[in-house]
Amino acid sequence: MIAPLTLTGPSEPPAGGGPARQLVILLHGLGADGNDLIGLAPILGQVLPDAAFAAPDAPFPCDMAPYGYQWFSVMDRTPAILLAAARAAARLLDAFIDDQLASLGLDDSRLALVGFSQGTMMSLHVGPRRARPPACIVGFSGRLLAPELLADEIRGRPPILLVHGDADAVVPVDSLPAAVKGLEAVGLQVSAHVAPGLGHGIDETGLRLAEEFLVAAFGPA
């Protein structure tokens, strides 16, 4: 598969109608596209009226479904193969983030990464490795890739919120405490919530926690 030179996807301007003072990047899961998460923009925009939202499509066509995209293939789950694929996608994602920030005249202190499933894996991989850390990372129903490498590669320590349903049949809920352990081991501050009865998805409680976390992380514009 040949990745595009640049990522593209839907975006939304600030709900308040003024210039963007924050940027929220929404990263979808396996087999979806940017449209899957851009619907969060009107919801999060109610508490972040000065935030612009961008939801890039992942760079590769999904190889497990006849539609949608993937950040990396999971057909071969050998750790080294997964890591190499995630690193390739991370280079494209970093370039997309840089371009989006530059176009809005913002820096990483006004950036939040919000991921779902494989998008969470990308958020947790990219965010702490950026030269300047984002304001925060919010991850739903994901896991931490290659925690053993993070100590040598971490460049910043953004606060992180992880939310996971205890009935998730796609990414087991045990991935949450494993991620917390790996992240806290390198000095990252992590808040975690297990949603009772929730499968592989995002519920109202998770959204409310995300709203509160994003507002606190951004602070005054």
Protein backbone atom coordinates (compact mmCIF):
# COMPACT_ATOMS: atom_id res chain seq x y z
CA MET A 1 0.00 0.00 0.00
CA ILE A 2 1.23 3.48 -0.87
CA ALA A 3 0.26 6.19 1.60
CA PRO A 4 -0.75 9.65 0.43
CA LEU A 5 1.83 12.37 0.87
CA THR A 6 -0.54 14.28 3.13
CA LEU A 7 -3.54 13.34 5.24
CA THR A 8 -6.93 14.89 4.54
CA GLY A 9 -10.32 14.74 6.18
CA PRO A 10 -13.27 16.75 7.45
CA SER A 11 -12.86 19.75 9.72
CA GLU A 12 -15.00 22.23 11.61
CA PRO A 13 -14.23 25.86 12.51
CA PRO A 14 -14.73 27.21 16.03
CA ALA A 15 -18.38 27.14 17.12
CA GLY A 16 -18.01 30.64 18.51
CA GLY A 17 -17.34 32.09 15.08
CA GLY A 18 -14.05 33.71 15.98
CA PRO A 19 -10.45 32.76 15.26
CA ALA A 20 -9.26 29.38 16.53
CA ARG A 21 -7.50 29.50 19.88
CA GLN A 22 -7.26 25.72 20.24
CA LEU A 23 -7.02 22.77 17.86
CA VAL A 24 -8.54 19.36 18.57
CA ILE A 25 -7.39 16.51 16.31
CA LEU A 26 -9.88 13.61 16.23
CA LEU A 27 -8.36 10.25 15.28
CA HIS A 28 -10.70 7.47 14.19
CA GLY A 29 -10.44 3.73 14.60
CA LEU A 30 -9.84 0.81 12.27
CA GLY A 31 -12.18 0.61 9.29
CA ALA A 32 -13.65 4.09 9.77
CA ASP A 33 -12.73 7.55 8.46
CA GLY A 34 -12.66 11.13 9.64
CA ASN A 35 -16.43 11.44 9.30
CA ASP A 36 -16.78 8.88 12.09
CA LEU A 37 -15.48 11.31 14.71
CA ILE A 38 -16.07 14.78 13.28
CA GLY A 39 -19.56 14.48 14.74
CA LEU A 40 -17.94 15.08 18.12
CA ALA A 41 -17.03 18.62 17.05
CA PRO A 42 -20.49 20.18 17.68
CA ILE A 43 -20.63 18.42 21.06
CA LEU A 44 -17.16 19.39 22.25
CA GLY A 45 -17.57 22.81 20.65
CA GLN A 46 -20.25 23.64 23.21
CA VAL A 47 -17.57 23.75 25.93
CA LEU A 48 -14.69 24.71 23.58
CA PRO A 49 -16.23 27.47 21.44
CA ASP A 50 -12.80 28.71 20.35
CA ALA A 51 -11.54 25.32 19.19
CA ALA A 52 -11.12 24.21 15.59
CA PHE A 53 -11.55 20.50 14.90
CA ALA A 54 -9.86 18.30 12.30
CA ALA A 55 -10.50 14.59 11.73
CA PRO A 56 -8.03 13.18 9.20
CA ASP A 57 -8.65 9.95 7.36
CA ALA A 58 -6.00 7.38 8.22
CA PRO A 59 -3.49 6.92 5.39
CA PHE A 60 -4.21 3.33 4.33
CA PRO A 61 -7.32 1.55 3.01
CA CYS A 62 -8.56 -0.94 5.60
CA ASP A 63 -7.41 -4.45 4.71
CA MET A 64 -10.04 -6.13 6.89
CA ALA A 65 -13.12 -4.52 5.34
CA PRO A 66 -14.27 -3.30 1.92
CA TYR A 67 -14.47 0.27 3.19
CA GLY A 68 -12.78 2.68 5.58
CA TYR A 69 -9.17 3.31 6.48
CA GLN A 70 -6.55 2.16 8.95
CA TRP A 71 -3.54 3.76 10.60
CA PHE A 72 -1.78 0.41 10.39
CA SER A 73 -2.66 -3.17 9.56
CA VAL A 74 -3.42 -5.66 12.32
CA MET A 75 -3.40 -8.68 10.03
CA ASP A 76 0.08 -9.50 11.35
CA ARG A 77 0.18 -8.68 15.06
CA THR A 78 3.86 -9.38 15.55
CA PRO A 79 4.96 -6.51 17.85
CA ALA A 80 7.82 -5.41 15.60
CA ILE A 81 5.55 -5.35 12.54
CA LEU A 82 2.87 -3.33 14.36
CA LEU A 83 5.43 -0.87 15.67
CA ALA A 84 7.04 -0.29 12.27
CA ALA A 85 3.63 0.33 10.71
CA ALA A 86 2.60 2.69 13.50
CA ARG A 87 5.84 4.65 13.09
CA ALA A 88 5.16 5.05 9.37
CA ALA A 89 1.68 6.43 10.08
CA ALA A 90 3.06 8.62 12.87
CA ARG A 91 5.31 10.49 10.44
CA LEU A 92 2.29 11.40 8.32
CA LEU A 93 0.22 12.31 11.36
CA ASP A 94 2.97 14.54 12.78
CA ALA A 95 3.19 16.38 9.45
CA PHE A 96 -0.60 16.83 9.40
CA ILE A 97 -0.58 18.21 12.94
CA ASP A 98 2.26 20.60 12.11
CA ASP A 99 0.42 21.86 9.02
CA GLN A 100 -2.84 22.34 10.91
CA LEU A 101 -1.17 24.25 13.73
CA ALA A 102 0.75 26.45 11.31
CA SER A 103 -2.38 27.27 9.32
CA LEU A 104 -4.10 28.45 12.50
CA GLY A 105 -1.08 30.23 13.97
CA LEU A 106 -1.07 27.99 17.04
CA ASP A 107 1.54 25.90 18.81
CA ASP A 108 1.35 22.53 20.57
CA SER A 109 0.32 24.10 23.87
CA ARG A 110 -3.06 24.74 22.22
CA LEU A 111 -3.37 21.22 20.76
CA ALA A 112 -5.37 18.23 21.99
CA LEU A 113 -5.35 14.74 20.51
CA VAL A 114 -8.58 12.77 20.91
CA GLY A 115 -8.55 9.19 19.68
CA PHE A 116 -10.82 6.18 19.47
CA SER A 117 -9.49 2.60 19.34
CA GLN A 118 -6.62 2.60 16.82
CA GLY A 119 -6.79 6.40 16.90
CA THR A 120 -6.05 6.21 20.63
CA MET A 121 -3.03 4.02 19.90
CA MET A 122 -1.78 6.67 17.48
CA SER A 123 -2.48 9.51 19.94
CA LEU A 124 -0.53 7.76 22.71
CA HIS A 125 2.32 7.00 20.31
CA VAL A 126 2.61 10.45 18.74
CA GLY A 127 1.71 12.84 21.56
CA PRO A 128 4.53 12.11 24.04
CA ARG A 129 7.09 11.94 21.22
CA ARG A 130 6.45 15.39 19.76
CA ALA A 131 9.16 17.99 20.28
CA ARG A 132 6.62 20.09 22.17
CA PRO A 133 3.88 18.18 23.98
CA PRO A 134 0.19 18.80 23.28
CA ALA A 135 -1.99 20.29 25.97
CA CYS A 136 -3.53 16.86 26.54
CA ILE A 137 -4.49 13.49 25.09
CA VAL A 138 -7.90 11.81 25.40
CA GLY A 139 -8.17 8.17 24.41
CA PHE A 140 -11.23 5.95 24.16
CA SER A 141 -11.07 2.15 23.88
CA GLY A 142 -7.41 1.89 22.92
CA ARG A 143 -4.09 0.58 24.15
CA LEU A 144 -0.45 1.61 24.44
CA LEU A 145 1.94 0.35 21.76
CA ALA A 146 5.49 -0.66 22.69
CA PRO A 147 5.50 0.68 26.28
CA GLU A 148 9.05 -0.65 26.71
CA LEU A 149 10.35 1.96 24.24
CA LEU A 150 8.65 5.00 25.69
CA ALA A 151 11.27 5.78 28.34
CA ASP A 152 13.92 6.28 25.66
CA GLU A 153 11.68 8.12 23.19
CA ILE A 154 9.47 10.38 25.30
CA ARG A 155 9.96 14.11 24.72
CA GLY A 156 7.04 15.60 26.62
CA ARG A 157 4.53 14.70 29.29
CA PRO A 158 0.99 15.85 28.45
CA PRO A 159 -1.82 14.88 30.83
CA ILE A 160 -3.83 11.92 29.57
CA LEU A 161 -7.40 10.71 30.03
CA LEU A 162 -8.24 7.11 29.11
CA VAL A 163 -11.79 5.75 28.97
CA HIS A 164 -12.68 2.13 28.26
CA GLY A 165 -15.84 0.05 28.43
CA ASP A 166 -15.70 -3.10 30.54
CA ALA A 167 -17.74 -4.96 27.90
CA ASP A 168 -15.39 -4.10 25.02
CA ALA A 169 -15.08 -7.19 22.82
CA VAL A 170 -12.70 -5.55 20.32
CA VAL A 171 -9.98 -4.07 22.53
CA PRO A 172 -10.17 -5.81 25.93
CA VAL A 173 -10.60 -3.57 28.95
CA ASP A 174 -7.39 -5.03 30.40
CA SER A 175 -5.64 -2.77 27.90
CA LEU A 176 -6.54 0.22 30.09
CA PRO A 177 -4.59 -0.67 33.27
CA ALA A 178 -1.72 -1.90 31.09
CA ALA A 179 -1.61 1.48 29.35
CA VAL A 180 -1.84 3.37 32.64
CA LYS A 181 1.06 1.33 34.03
CA GLY A 182 3.23 1.97 30.98
CA LEU A 183 2.47 5.67 30.85
CA GLU A 184 2.89 6.32 34.56
CA ALA A 185 6.20 4.43 34.52
CA VAL A 186 7.69 7.29 32.47
CA GLY A 187 6.17 10.05 34.57
CA LEU A 188 2.98 10.76 32.65
CA GLN A 189 -0.10 11.82 34.60
CA VAL A 190 -3.02 9.58 33.66
CA SER A 191 -6.69 9.72 34.60
CA ALA A 192 -8.65 6.56 33.82
CA HIS A 193 -12.30 5.59 33.78
CA VAL A 194 -13.89 2.18 33.21
CA ALA A 195 -17.44 2.45 31.84
CA PRO A 196 -19.70 -0.31 33.20
CA GLY A 197 -21.56 -2.23 30.50
CA LEU A 198 -20.04 -0.27 27.62
CA GLY A 199 -18.74 -2.11 24.57
CA HIS A 200 -16.41 -0.73 21.93
CA GLY A 201 -17.75 2.79 21.86
CA ILE A 202 -18.11 6.18 23.52
CA ASP A 203 -20.92 6.91 25.96
CA GLU A 204 -22.30 10.11 27.50
CA THR A 205 -20.24 9.72 30.67
CA GLY A 206 -17.05 9.36 28.65
CA LEU A 207 -17.90 12.44 26.62
CA ARG A 208 -18.60 14.46 29.76
CA LEU A 209 -15.28 13.40 31.26
CA ALA A 210 -13.54 14.33 28.00
CA GLU A 211 -15.19 17.75 27.97
CA GLU A 212 -14.09 18.48 31.54
CA PHE A 213 -10.58 17.21 30.86
CA LEU A 214 -10.12 19.26 27.69
CA VAL A 215 -11.39 22.45 29.30
CA ALA A 216 -9.07 22.01 32.28
CA ALA A 217 -6.09 21.17 30.08
CA PHE A 218 -6.49 24.16 27.78
CA GLY A 219 -7.17 26.61 30.59
CA PRO A 220 -7.64 30.28 29.68
CA ALA A 221 -7.23 31.04 25.96
